[in-house]
């Protein structure tokens, strides 16, 4: 399945049903007496988070969503049936924006969470509602109100605990495949990863976390160069950043890539650098040990927590994975105390 993380859709709630004009047929009652019932309410359009979805793929094929109209009223003061609500399933992490203004209207993150996207119109009143002492036989009723019509832009931000960041070909996909059952495309050329991949990392029988492989970043990514800001936004949702650095390229190039990634994160959203971050020096199995040691010391002098790993052989993961789990648990504890984060 292709990864689709943006969609533009149109929704319309159901119109309210019209009220009825009707009269009882009774002797000594003017015109038989009004007994027209009210129309039914139109159905709402409701967005609901479905944990089984992980893309906006379905919105590529269907972009119009119409709820059912309310039924018309009838004689004997019979009210029309309300229109059925239309429930639209969306994946967790969906942000709903007004297409015209760009304002964020909803941030849907919790499985089962529901949000009324468009409200159905109220049904019109039947003529029985308008009878008075001076107007005992009204021959008019109300039309139902129109249901709301809205246009939305849906954006999906991945919900992952740990986000892998790094330059193209740093080994992020290999690391994800080594730690989880995810099977991202892996090859020896840049931009192998064209879409974000999620994998569940099982630390032990009771504890796990979700890791996301974000496509490789290059200079200017925050302004749309390369994979661009389309994927940088997914990093905003993560609890912890794991910066994967290829040290087989030598110290000068590794430091250059490290500083480039940090600058791209800062340029896109400065708050990303305040996230808990761990640096993994990858490909130590094919690197100069002296240069690896020098890079590690340079990073630690910057205040970074550094781990030496080989995603290919699995070396060093026994220390890295528990550290990531601990950072995720710390974040969740903080999250629980301070409430839901802003978008």
C-alpha atoms as a PDB file:
ATOM      1  CA  UNK A   1       0.000   0.000   0.000  1.00  0.00           C
ATOM      2  CA  UNK A   2       1.285   3.488  -0.819  1.00  0.00           C
ATOM      3  CA  UNK A   3       1.797   5.891   2.049  1.00  0.00           C
ATOM      4  CA  UNK A   4      -0.563   8.849   1.729  1.00  0.00           C
ATOM      5  CA  UNK A   5      -0.320  11.521   4.387  1.00  0.00           C
ATOM      6  CA  UNK A   6      -2.392  14.387   2.962  1.00  0.00           C
ATOM      7  CA  UNK A   7      -5.857  14.596   1.433  1.00  0.00           C
ATOM      8  CA  UNK A   8      -8.463  17.228   0.593  1.00  0.00           C
ATOM      9  CA  UNK A   9     -12.101  16.257   1.047  1.00  0.00           C
ATOM     10  CA  UNK A  10     -15.618  17.688   0.988  1.00  0.00           C
ATOM     11  CA  UNK A  11     -18.238  16.735   3.566  1.00  0.00           C
ATOM     12  CA  UNK A  12     -21.919  17.602   3.769  1.00  0.00           C
ATOM     13  CA  UNK A  13     -24.237  16.800   6.620  1.00  0.00           C
ATOM     14  CA  UNK A  14     -27.810  15.796   5.853  1.00  0.00           C
ATOM     15  CA  UNK A  15     -30.484  18.414   5.298  1.00  0.00           C
ATOM     16  CA  UNK A  16     -33.379  18.475   7.716  1.00  0.00           C
ATOM     17  CA  UNK A  17     -36.642  17.017   6.426  1.00  0.00           C
ATOM     18  CA  UNK A  18     -39.558  19.372   5.651  1.00  0.00           C
ATOM     19  CA  UNK A  19     -42.528  19.652   7.981  1.00  0.00           C
ATOM     20  CA  UNK A  20     -45.901  18.416   6.765  1.00  0.00           C
ATOM     21  CA  UNK A  21     -49.125  20.286   6.052  1.00  0.00           C
ATOM     22  CA  UNK A  22     -52.009  18.007   7.041  1.00  0.00           C
ATOM     23  CA  UNK A  23     -55.493  18.246   8.640  1.00  0.00           C
ATOM     24  CA  UNK A  24     -57.571  15.888  10.716  1.00  0.00           C
ATOM     25  CA  UNK A  25     -60.981  15.063   9.346  1.00  0.00           C
ATOM     26  CA  UNK A  26     -63.175  15.708  12.373  1.00  0.00           C
ATOM     27  CA  UNK A  27     -66.597  17.307  12.556  1.00  0.00           C
ATOM     28  CA  UNK A  28     -66.762  20.731  14.232  1.00  0.00           C
ATOM     29  CA  UNK A  29     -62.962  21.207  13.932  1.00  0.00           C
ATOM     30  CA  UNK A  30     -62.045  23.969  11.410  1.00  0.00           C
ATOM     31  CA  UNK A  31     -60.522  22.360   8.306  1.00  0.00           C
ATOM     32  CA  UNK A  32     -60.296  19.153  10.333  1.00  0.00           C
ATOM     33  CA  UNK A  33     -57.605  20.596  12.612  1.00  0.00           C
ATOM     34  CA  UNK A  34     -53.882  20.823  11.672  1.00  0.00           C
ATOM     35  CA  UNK A  35     -51.878  17.675  12.423  1.00  0.00           C
ATOM     36  CA  UNK A  36     -48.776  17.952  10.208  1.00  0.00           C
ATOM     37  CA  UNK A  37     -45.669  16.499  11.896  1.00  0.00           C
ATOM     38  CA  UNK A  38     -42.111  17.845  11.957  1.00  0.00           C
ATOM     39  CA  UNK A  39     -39.370  16.769   9.597  1.00  0.00           C
ATOM     40  CA  UNK A  40     -36.464  14.656  10.824  1.00  0.00           C
ATOM     41  CA  UNK A  41     -32.985  16.000  11.571  1.00  0.00           C
ATOM     42  CA  UNK A  42     -30.257  15.457   8.966  1.00  0.00           C
ATOM     43  CA  UNK A  43     -27.411  13.098   9.799  1.00  0.00           C
ATOM     44  CA  UNK A  44     -24.049  14.367  11.072  1.00  0.00           C
ATOM     45  CA  UNK A  45     -20.696  13.613   9.466  1.00  0.00           C
ATOM     46  CA  UNK A  46     -18.427  12.220  12.180  1.00  0.00           C
ATOM     47  CA  UNK A  47     -14.708  11.456  12.012  1.00  0.00           C
ATOM     48  CA  UNK A  48     -13.640   8.493  14.146  1.00  0.00           C
ATOM     49  CA  UNK A  49     -10.118   7.230  14.819  1.00  0.00           C
ATOM     50  CA  UNK A  50      -9.629   3.653  13.640  1.00  0.00           C
ATOM     51  CA  UNK A  51      -6.463   2.027  15.085  1.00  0.00           C
ATOM     52  CA  UNK A  52      -6.423  -0.389  12.150  1.00  0.00           C
ATOM     53  CA  UNK A  53      -5.612   2.404   9.680  1.00  0.00           C
ATOM     54  CA  UNK A  54      -2.152   3.873   9.171  1.00  0.00           C
ATOM     55  CA  UNK A  55      -2.515   5.951   5.974  1.00  0.00           C
ATOM     56  CA  UNK A  56      -4.984   8.287   4.280  1.00  0.00           C
ATOM     57  CA  UNK A  57      -4.964   5.991   1.239  1.00  0.00           C
ATOM     58  CA  UNK A  58      -8.751   5.577   1.101  1.00  0.00           C
ATOM     59  CA  UNK A  59      -9.231   9.332   0.640  1.00  0.00           C
ATOM     60  CA  UNK A  60      -7.420   9.188  -2.701  1.00  0.00           C
ATOM     61  CA  UNK A  61     -10.397   7.348  -4.179  1.00  0.00           C
ATOM     62  CA  UNK A  62     -13.273   8.959  -2.298  1.00  0.00           C
ATOM     63  CA  UNK A  63     -13.261  12.670  -1.562  1.00  0.00           C
ATOM     64  CA  UNK A  64     -16.965  13.468  -1.066  1.00  0.00           C
ATOM     65  CA  UNK A  65     -18.840  12.353   2.036  1.00  0.00           C
ATOM     66  CA  UNK A  66     -22.583  12.982   2.295  1.00  0.00           C
ATOM     67  CA  UNK A  67     -24.702  12.136   5.326  1.00  0.00           C
ATOM     68  CA  UNK A  68     -28.332  11.056   4.976  1.00  0.00           C
ATOM     69  CA  UNK A  69     -31.129  13.625   4.810  1.00  0.00           C
ATOM     70  CA  UNK A  70     -33.930  13.739   7.362  1.00  0.00           C
ATOM     71  CA  UNK A  71     -37.321  12.356   6.272  1.00  0.00           C
ATOM     72  CA  UNK A  72     -40.365  14.575   5.754  1.00  0.00           C
ATOM     73  CA  UNK A  73     -43.047  14.828   8.440  1.00  0.00           C
ATOM     74  CA  UNK A  74     -46.494  13.303   7.900  1.00  0.00           C
ATOM     75  CA  UNK A  75     -50.092  13.602   9.043  1.00  0.00           C
ATOM     76  CA  UNK A  76     -51.317  12.560  12.497  1.00  0.00           C
ATOM     77  CA  UNK A  77     -48.382  14.588  13.900  1.00  0.00           C
ATOM     78  CA  UNK A  78     -45.961  11.919  12.767  1.00  0.00           C
ATOM     79  CA  UNK A  79     -42.379  13.200  12.808  1.00  0.00           C
ATOM     80  CA  UNK A  80     -40.012  12.237  10.011  1.00  0.00           C
ATOM     81  CA  UNK A  81     -37.138   9.866  10.746  1.00  0.00           C
ATOM     82  CA  UNK A  82     -33.748  11.470  11.374  1.00  0.00           C
ATOM     83  CA  UNK A  83     -31.048  10.836   8.782  1.00  0.00           C
ATOM     84  CA  UNK A  84     -28.322   8.346   9.698  1.00  0.00           C
ATOM     85  CA  UNK A  85     -24.985   9.774  10.774  1.00  0.00           C
ATOM     86  CA  UNK A  86     -22.056   9.114   8.447  1.00  0.00           C
ATOM     87  CA  UNK A  87     -18.971   7.872  10.318  1.00  0.00           C
ATOM     88  CA  UNK A  88     -15.719   8.450   8.434  1.00  0.00           C
ATOM     89  CA  UNK A  89     -12.775   6.370   9.692  1.00  0.00           C
ATOM     90  CA  UNK A  90      -9.367   8.069   9.930  1.00  0.00           C
ATOM     91  CA  UNK A  91      -6.004   6.855  11.271  1.00  0.00           C
ATOM     92  CA  UNK A  92      -4.617   8.003  14.613  1.00  0.00           C
ATOM     93  CA  UNK A  93      -2.511  11.108  14.133  1.00  0.00           C
ATOM     94  CA  UNK A  94      -4.893  12.816  11.691  1.00  0.00           C
ATOM     95  CA  UNK A  95      -5.002  16.595  11.837  1.00  0.00           C
ATOM     96  CA  UNK A  96      -8.063  18.270  10.320  1.00  0.00           C
ATOM     97  CA  UNK A  97      -7.629  21.747   8.869  1.00  0.00           C
ATOM     98  CA  UNK A  98     -10.157  24.088   7.298  1.00  0.00           C
ATOM     99  CA  UNK A  99      -9.168  24.067   3.633  1.00  0.00           C
ATOM    100  CA  UNK A 100      -9.924  27.753   3.157  1.00  0.00           C
ATOM    101  CA  UNK A 101      -8.385  29.256   6.305  1.00  0.00           C
ATOM    102  CA  UNK A 102      -5.757  26.647   7.204  1.00  0.00           C
ATOM    103  CA  UNK A 103      -6.900  26.638  10.834  1.00  0.00           C
ATOM    104  CA  UNK A 104      -6.518  23.394  12.778  1.00  0.00           C
ATOM    105  CA  UNK A 105      -9.994  22.210  13.771  1.00  0.00           C
ATOM    106  CA  UNK A 106      -9.219  18.808  15.277  1.00  0.00           C
ATOM    107  CA  UNK A 107      -6.249  16.675  16.273  1.00  0.00           C
ATOM    108  CA  UNK A 108      -7.372  13.047  16.309  1.00  0.00           C
ATOM    109  CA  UNK A 109      -4.905  10.864  18.183  1.00  0.00           C
ATOM    110  CA  UNK A 110      -6.785   8.439  20.448  1.00  0.00           C
ATOM    111  CA  UNK A 111      -8.312   5.163  19.169  1.00  0.00           C
ATOM    112  CA  UNK A 112     -12.091   5.534  19.080  1.00  0.00           C
ATOM    113  CA  UNK A 113     -11.945   9.332  19.357  1.00  0.00           C
ATOM    114  CA  UNK A 114     -14.864  11.010  17.559  1.00  0.00           C
ATOM    115  CA  UNK A 115     -15.285  14.533  16.203  1.00  0.00           C
ATOM    116  CA  UNK A 116     -18.361  15.985  14.526  1.00  0.00           C
ATOM    117  CA  UNK A 117     -17.090  17.369  11.230  1.00  0.00           C
ATOM    118  CA  UNK A 118     -20.452  18.682   9.982  1.00  0.00           C
ATOM    119  CA  UNK A 119     -23.783  18.927  11.794  1.00  0.00           C
ATOM    120  CA  UNK A 120     -27.035  17.908  10.209  1.00  0.00           C
ATOM    121  CA  UNK A 121     -29.790  20.454   9.668  1.00  0.00           C
ATOM    122  CA  UNK A 122     -32.815  20.543  11.961  1.00  0.00           C
ATOM    123  CA  UNK A 123     -36.112  19.305  10.603  1.00  0.00           C
ATOM    124  CA  UNK A 124     -38.793  21.824   9.645  1.00  0.00           C
ATOM    125  CA  UNK A 125     -41.900  22.309  11.780  1.00  0.00           C
ATOM    126  CA  UNK A 126     -45.223  20.881  10.610  1.00  0.00           C
ATOM    127  CA  UNK A 127     -48.333  23.012  10.426  1.00  0.00           C
ATOM    128  CA  UNK A 128     -49.579  21.652  13.763  1.00  0.00           C
ATOM    129  CA  UNK A 129     -46.881  23.810  15.384  1.00  0.00           C
ATOM    130  CA  UNK A 130     -48.351  27.025  14.005  1.00  0.00           C
ATOM    131  CA  UNK A 131     -51.962  26.660  15.192  1.00  0.00           C
ATOM    132  CA  UNK A 132     -53.110  29.530  17.422  1.00  0.00           C
ATOM    133  CA  UNK A 133     -56.414  30.869  18.662  1.00  0.00           C
ATOM    134  CA  UNK A 134     -56.482  33.323  15.788  1.00  0.00           C
ATOM    135  CA  UNK A 135     -55.029  30.979  13.181  1.00  0.00           C
ATOM    136  CA  UNK A 136     -56.654  27.635  13.778  1.00  0.00           C
ATOM    137  CA  UNK A 137     -55.994  26.187  10.343  1.00  0.00           C
ATOM    138  CA  UNK A 138     -52.472  27.154   9.165  1.00  0.00           C
ATOM    139  CA  UNK A 139     -51.754  25.901   5.675  1.00  0.00           C
ATOM    140  CA  UNK A 140     -48.005  26.218   5.821  1.00  0.00           C
ATOM    141  CA  UNK A 141     -45.014  24.450   7.343  1.00  0.00           C
ATOM    142  CA  UNK A 142     -41.232  24.910   7.470  1.00  0.00           C
ATOM    143  CA  UNK A 143     -38.610  23.501   5.184  1.00  0.00           C
ATOM    144  CA  UNK A 144     -35.787  21.724   6.976  1.00  0.00           C
ATOM    145  CA  UNK A 145     -32.503  23.544   7.552  1.00  0.00           C
ATOM    146  CA  UNK A 146     -29.552  22.753   5.324  1.00  0.00           C
ATOM    147  CA  UNK A 147     -26.818  20.543   6.684  1.00  0.00           C
ATOM    148  CA  UNK A 148     -23.334  22.017   7.086  1.00  0.00           C
ATOM    149  CA  UNK A 149     -20.973  21.841   4.106  1.00  0.00           C
ATOM    150  CA  UNK A 150     -17.259  21.968   4.778  1.00  0.00           C
ATOM    151  CA  UNK A 151     -13.982  21.399   2.998  1.00  0.00           C
ATOM    152  CA  UNK A 152     -11.078  19.947   4.909  1.00  0.00           C
ATOM    153  CA  UNK A 153      -7.416  19.228   4.460  1.00  0.00           C
ATOM    154  CA  UNK A 154      -6.418  16.054   6.304  1.00  0.00           C
ATOM    155  CA  UNK A 155      -2.798  15.634   7.374  1.00  0.00           C
ATOM    156  CA  UNK A 156      -1.369  12.516   8.952  1.00  0.00           C
ATOM    157  CA  UNK A 157       1.505  12.711  11.408  1.00  0.00           C
ATOM    158  CA  UNK A 158       2.880   9.347  12.423  1.00  0.00           C
ATOM    159  CA  UNK A 159       2.424   8.366  16.031  1.00  0.00           C
ATOM    160  CA  UNK A 160       5.739   6.797  16.976  1.00  0.00           C
ATOM    161  CA  UNK A 161       7.734   6.722  20.181  1.00  0.00           C
ATOM    162  CA  UNK A 162      11.173   6.858  18.582  1.00  0.00           C
ATOM    163  CA  UNK A 163      11.947   8.640  15.320  1.00  0.00           C
ATOM    164  CA  UNK A 164      15.059   7.723  13.341  1.00  0.00           C
ATOM    165  CA  UNK A 165      16.732  10.718  11.746  1.00  0.00           C
ATOM    166  CA  UNK A 166      19.893  10.935   9.708  1.00  0.00           C
ATOM    167  CA  UNK A 167      21.377  11.508   6.297  1.00  0.00           C
ATOM    168  CA  UNK A 168      20.473   9.234   3.366  1.00  0.00           C
ATOM    169  CA  UNK A 169      22.107   5.808   3.575  1.00  0.00           C
ATOM    170  CA  UNK A 170      22.991   6.215   7.268  1.00  0.00           C
ATOM    171  CA  UNK A 171      21.489   2.776   7.955  1.00  0.00           C
ATOM    172  CA  UNK A 172      18.150   3.727   9.486  1.00  0.00           C
ATOM    173  CA  UNK A 173      16.155   1.177   7.504  1.00  0.00           C
ATOM    174  CA  UNK A 174      18.620  -1.580   8.375  1.00  0.00           C
ATOM    175  CA  UNK A 175      18.350  -0.625  12.040  1.00  0.00           C
ATOM    176  CA  UNK A 176      14.533  -0.716  11.940  1.00  0.00           C
ATOM    177  CA  UNK A 177      14.517  -4.128  10.258  1.00  0.00           C
ATOM    178  CA  UNK A 178      17.030  -5.444  12.806  1.00  0.00           C
ATOM    179  CA  UNK A 179      15.018  -4.193  15.811  1.00  0.00           C
ATOM    180  CA  UNK A 180      11.502  -5.014  14.616  1.00  0.00           C
ATOM    181  CA  UNK A 181       9.492  -7.058  12.148  1.00  0.00           C
ATOM    182  CA  UNK A 182       9.215  -4.106   9.752  1.00  0.00           C
ATOM    183  CA  UNK A 183      10.574  -4.730   6.260  1.00  0.00           C
ATOM    184  CA  UNK A 184      11.555  -1.370   4.752  1.00  0.00           C
ATOM    185  CA  UNK A 185      13.331  -1.307   1.407  1.00  0.00           C
ATOM    186  CA  UNK A 186      17.109  -1.475   1.879  1.00  0.00           C
ATOM    187  CA  UNK A 187      19.720  -0.800  -0.799  1.00  0.00           C
ATOM    188  CA  UNK A 188      23.130   0.781  -1.203  1.00  0.00           C
ATOM    189  CA  UNK A 189      22.017   4.131  -2.621  1.00  0.00           C
ATOM    190  CA  UNK A 190      20.503   7.325  -1.186  1.00  0.00           C
ATOM    191  CA  UNK A 191      16.777   7.819  -0.692  1.00  0.00           C
ATOM    192  CA  UNK A 192      15.991   4.115  -0.435  1.00  0.00           C
ATOM    193  CA  UNK A 193      13.256   5.066   2.018  1.00  0.00           C
ATOM    194  CA  UNK A 194      10.634   7.082   0.159  1.00  0.00           C
ATOM    195  CA  UNK A 195       7.891   6.760   2.781  1.00  0.00           C
ATOM    196  CA  UNK A 196       8.011   6.537   6.582  1.00  0.00           C
ATOM    197  CA  UNK A 197       7.967   3.015   8.014  1.00  0.00           C
ATOM    198  CA  UNK A 198       6.785   1.950  11.460  1.00  0.00           C
ATOM    199  CA  UNK A 199       8.015  -1.028  13.445  1.00  0.00           C
ATOM    200  CA  UNK A 200       7.250  -2.350  16.928  1.00  0.00           C
ATOM    201  CA  UNK A 201      10.401  -2.996  18.939  1.00  0.00           C
ATOM    202  CA  UNK A 202       9.741  -5.698  21.535  1.00  0.00           C
ATOM    203  CA  UNK A 203      12.209  -5.159  24.369  1.00  0.00           C
ATOM    204  CA  UNK A 204      10.864  -8.004  26.513  1.00  0.00           C
ATOM    205  CA  UNK A 205       7.629  -9.952  26.923  1.00  0.00           C
ATOM    206  CA  UNK A 206       5.857  -6.998  28.525  1.00  0.00           C
ATOM    207  CA  UNK A 207       7.457  -3.869  27.104  1.00  0.00           C
ATOM    208  CA  UNK A 208       7.740  -2.465  23.583  1.00  0.00           C
ATOM    209  CA  UNK A 209       7.788   0.813  21.705  1.00  0.00           C
ATOM    210  CA  UNK A 210       7.083   2.024  18.168  1.00  0.00           C
ATOM    211  CA  UNK A 211       9.995   3.128  16.009  1.00  0.00           C
ATOM    212  CA  UNK A 212       9.605   5.183  12.815  1.00  0.00           C
ATOM    213  CA  UNK A 213      12.132   5.275   9.992  1.00  0.00           C
ATOM    214  CA  UNK A 214      11.901   8.782   8.538  1.00  0.00           C
ATOM    215  CA  UNK A 215      13.299   9.221   5.003  1.00  0.00           C
ATOM    216  CA  UNK A 216      16.865  10.553   4.866  1.00  0.00           C
ATOM    217  CA  UNK A 217      17.347  14.291   5.230  1.00  0.00           C
ATOM    218  CA  UNK A 218      19.639  16.471   3.148  1.00  0.00           C
ATOM    219  CA  UNK A 219      20.583  20.112   3.375  1.00  0.00           C
ATOM    220  CA  UNK A 220      17.552  22.296   2.681  1.00  0.00           C
ATOM    221  CA  UNK A 221      15.024  19.598   3.645  1.00  0.00           C
ATOM    222  CA  UNK A 222      13.152  22.036   5.899  1.00  0.00           C
ATOM    223  CA  UNK A 223      12.285  24.116   2.815  1.00  0.00           C
ATOM    224  CA  UNK A 224      11.304  21.152   0.647  1.00  0.00           C
ATOM    225  CA  UNK A 225      14.620  19.979  -0.817  1.00  0.00           C
ATOM    226  CA  UNK A 226      14.938  16.204  -1.291  1.00  0.00           C
ATOM    227  CA  UNK A 227      12.316  14.379   0.775  1.00  0.00           C
ATOM    228  CA  UNK A 228      11.532  17.811   2.215  1.00  0.00           C
ATOM    229  CA  UNK A 229       9.280  19.019   4.973  1.00  0.00           C
ATOM    230  CA  UNK A 230       6.597  16.467   4.011  1.00  0.00           C
ATOM    231  CA  UNK A 231       8.393  13.954   6.235  1.00  0.00           C
ATOM    232  CA  UNK A 232      10.056  16.258   8.745  1.00  0.00           C
ATOM    233  CA  UNK A 233       6.606  16.910  10.219  1.00  0.00           C
ATOM    234  CA  UNK A 234       6.335  13.259  11.287  1.00  0.00           C
ATOM    235  CA  UNK A 235       9.256  13.770  13.658  1.00  0.00           C
ATOM    236  CA  UNK A 236       7.158  16.271  15.634  1.00  0.00           C
ATOM    237  CA  UNK A 237       4.995  13.453  17.016  1.00  0.00           C
ATOM    238  CA  UNK A 238       7.840  11.294  18.317  1.00  0.00           C
ATOM    239  CA  UNK A 239       8.874  11.138  21.950  1.00  0.00           C
ATOM    240  CA  UNK A 240      12.567  10.467  21.337  1.00  0.00           C
ATOM    241  CA  UNK A 241      14.911  11.149  18.420  1.00  0.00           C
ATOM    242  CA  UNK A 242      17.540   8.593  17.500  1.00  0.00           C
ATOM    243  CA  UNK A 243      20.139  10.271  15.316  1.00  0.00           C
ATOM    244  CA  UNK A 244      21.806   7.570  13.216  1.00  0.00           C
ATOM    245  CA  UNK A 245      25.242   8.674  12.045  1.00  0.00           C
ATOM    246  CA  UNK A 246      27.299   6.782   9.478  1.00  0.00           C
ATOM    247  CA  UNK A 247      30.863   6.814  10.834  1.00  0.00           C
ATOM    248  CA  UNK A 248      32.328   4.769   7.975  1.00  0.00           C
ATOM    249  CA  UNK A 249      32.611   7.997   5.966  1.00  0.00           C
ATOM    250  CA  UNK A 250      35.305   9.394   8.276  1.00  0.00           C
ATOM    251  CA  UNK A 251      35.313  11.990  11.034  1.00  0.00           C
ATOM    252  CA  UNK A 252      35.076  15.156   8.924  1.00  0.00           C
ATOM    253  CA  UNK A 253      32.127  13.923   6.861  1.00  0.00           C
ATOM    254  CA  UNK A 254      30.362  12.406   9.884  1.00  0.00           C
ATOM    255  CA  UNK A 255      30.571  15.681  11.808  1.00  0.00           C
ATOM    256  CA  UNK A 256      29.356  17.561   8.728  1.00  0.00           C
ATOM    257  CA  UNK A 257      26.312  15.268   8.466  1.00  0.00           C
ATOM    258  CA  UNK A 258      25.611  15.565  12.191  1.00  0.00           C
ATOM    259  CA  UNK A 259      25.602  19.364  12.063  1.00  0.00           C
ATOM    260  CA  UNK A 260      23.511  19.396   8.885  1.00  0.00           C
ATOM    261  CA  UNK A 261      20.789  17.240  10.448  1.00  0.00           C
ATOM    262  CA  UNK A 262      20.667  19.414  13.563  1.00  0.00           C
ATOM    263  CA  UNK A 263      20.385  22.544  11.440  1.00  0.00           C
ATOM    264  CA  UNK A 264      17.527  21.075   9.404  1.00  0.00           C
ATOM    265  CA  UNK A 265      15.631  20.125  12.555  1.00  0.00           C
ATOM    266  CA  UNK A 266      16.206  23.594  14.002  1.00  0.00           C
ATOM    267  CA  UNK A 267      15.085  25.327  10.801  1.00  0.00           C
ATOM    268  CA  UNK A 268      11.912  23.255  10.551  1.00  0.00           C
ATOM    269  CA  UNK A 269      10.861  23.481  14.199  1.00  0.00           C
ATOM    270  CA  UNK A 270      13.269  24.642  16.895  1.00  0.00           C
ATOM    271  CA  UNK A 271      11.393  22.616  19.544  1.00  0.00           C
ATOM    272  CA  UNK A 272      12.638  19.398  17.905  1.00  0.00           C
ATOM    273  CA  UNK A 273      16.066  19.985  19.428  1.00  0.00           C
ATOM    274  CA  UNK A 274      14.513  19.994  22.896  1.00  0.00           C
ATOM    275  CA  UNK A 275      13.354  16.390  22.486  1.00  0.00           C
ATOM    276  CA  UNK A 276      15.267  13.614  24.177  1.00  0.00           C
ATOM    277  CA  UNK A 277      17.988  12.626  21.698  1.00  0.00           C
ATOM    278  CA  UNK A 278      20.352   9.694  21.441  1.00  0.00           C
ATOM    279  CA  UNK A 279      23.123   9.416  18.841  1.00  0.00           C
ATOM    280  CA  UNK A 280      23.976   6.018  17.359  1.00  0.00           C
ATOM    281  CA  UNK A 281      27.319   5.779  15.560  1.00  0.00           C
ATOM    282  CA  UNK A 282      26.473   3.177  12.936  1.00  0.00           C
ATOM    283  CA  UNK A 283      28.591   0.886  10.729  1.00  0.00           C
ATOM    284  CA  UNK A 284      31.353   0.480  13.296  1.00  0.00           C
ATOM    285  CA  UNK A 285      32.005  -2.967  11.783  1.00  0.00           C
ATOM    286  CA  UNK A 286      33.467  -1.308   8.673  1.00  0.00           C
ATOM    287  CA  UNK A 287      34.902   1.865  10.243  1.00  0.00           C
ATOM    288  CA  UNK A 288      38.323   2.926  11.528  1.00  0.00           C
ATOM    289  CA  UNK A 289      38.193   2.355  15.321  1.00  0.00           C
ATOM    290  CA  UNK A 290      40.375   5.415  15.988  1.00  0.00           C
ATOM    291  CA  UNK A 291      38.045   7.670  14.036  1.00  0.00           C
ATOM    292  CA  UNK A 292      35.004   6.175  15.754  1.00  0.00           C
ATOM    293  CA  UNK A 293      36.548   6.935  19.146  1.00  0.00           C
ATOM    294  CA  UNK A 294      37.384  10.488  18.064  1.00  0.00           C
ATOM    295  CA  UNK A 295      33.842  11.108  16.801  1.00  0.00           C
ATOM    296  CA  UNK A 296      32.381   9.708  20.013  1.00  0.00           C
ATOM    297  CA  UNK A 297      34.541  12.027  22.150  1.00  0.00           C
ATOM    298  CA  UNK A 298      33.638  15.035  19.995  1.00  0.00           C
ATOM    299  CA  UNK A 299      29.910  14.330  20.342  1.00  0.00           C
ATOM    300  CA  UNK A 300      30.098  13.679  24.077  1.00  0.00           C
ATOM    301  CA  UNK A 301      31.842  17.014  24.484  1.00  0.00           C
ATOM    302  CA  UNK A 302      28.705  18.483  22.871  1.00  0.00           C
ATOM    303  CA  UNK A 303      26.600  16.834  25.557  1.00  0.00           C
ATOM    304  CA  UNK A 304      25.287  13.979  23.406  1.00  0.00           C
ATOM    305  CA  UNK A 305      24.645  10.434  24.631  1.00  0.00           C
ATOM    306  CA  UNK A 306      26.467   8.236  22.183  1.00  0.00           C
ATOM    307  CA  UNK A 307      26.197   4.513  21.404  1.00  0.00           C
ATOM    308  CA  UNK A 308      28.406   2.500  19.064  1.00  0.00           C
ATOM    309  CA  UNK A 309      26.388   0.103  16.920  1.00  0.00           C
ATOM    310  CA  UNK A 310      26.291  -1.930  13.764  1.00  0.00           C
ATOM    311  CA  UNK A 311      22.747  -2.205  12.470  1.00  0.00           C
ATOM    312  CA  UNK A 312      23.975  -4.872  10.052  1.00  0.00           C
ATOM    313  CA  UNK A 313      25.488  -7.222  12.675  1.00  0.00           C
ATOM    314  CA  UNK A 314      23.405  -6.154  15.672  1.00  0.00           C
ATOM    315  CA  UNK A 315      26.441  -5.113  17.700  1.00  0.00           C
ATOM    316  CA  UNK A 316      25.671  -2.562  20.411  1.00  0.00           C
ATOM    317  CA  UNK A 317      21.877  -2.847  20.176  1.00  0.00           C
ATOM    318  CA  UNK A 318      21.713  -4.611  23.530  1.00  0.00           C
ATOM    319  CA  UNK A 319      22.655  -1.324  25.204  1.00  0.00           C
ATOM    320  CA  UNK A 320      20.886   1.068  22.846  1.00  0.00           C
ATOM    321  CA  UNK A 321      17.381  -0.440  22.880  1.00  0.00           C
ATOM    322  CA  UNK A 322      16.876  -0.435  26.696  1.00  0.00           C
ATOM    323  CA  UNK A 323      18.050   3.193  26.768  1.00  0.00           C
ATOM    324  CA  UNK A 324      15.461   4.156  24.167  1.00  0.00           C
ATOM    325  CA  UNK A 325      12.740   2.323  26.102  1.00  0.00           C
ATOM    326  CA  UNK A 326      13.677   4.190  29.260  1.00  0.00           C
ATOM    327  CA  UNK A 327      13.490   7.544  27.463  1.00  0.00           C
ATOM    328  CA  UNK A 328      10.083   6.645  26.043  1.00  0.00           C
ATOM    329  CA  UNK A 329       8.784   5.774  29.519  1.00  0.00           C
ATOM    330  CA  UNK A 330      10.119   9.046  30.934  1.00  0.00           C
ATOM    331  CA  UNK A 331       8.347  10.974  28.176  1.00  0.00           C
ATOM    332  CA  UNK A 332       5.062   9.152  28.735  1.00  0.00           C
ATOM    333  CA  UNK A 333       5.216   9.900  32.453  1.00  0.00           C
ATOM    334  CA  UNK A 334       5.789  13.586  31.692  1.00  0.00           C
ATOM    335  CA  UNK A 335       3.027  13.487  29.071  1.00  0.00           C
ATOM    336  CA  UNK A 336       0.589  12.059  31.601  1.00  0.00           C
ATOM    337  CA  UNK A 337       1.350  14.803  34.095  1.00  0.00           C
ATOM    338  CA  UNK A 338       1.125  17.729  31.714  1.00  0.00           C
ATOM    339  CA  UNK A 339      -1.623  16.528  29.375  1.00  0.00           C
ATOM    340  CA  UNK A 340      -1.820  16.309  25.611  1.00  0.00           C
ATOM    341  CA  UNK A 341       0.845  18.190  23.690  1.00  0.00           C
ATOM    342  CA  UNK A 342      -0.004  20.887  21.235  1.00  0.00           C
ATOM    343  CA  UNK A 343       0.105  20.198  17.529  1.00  0.00           C
END
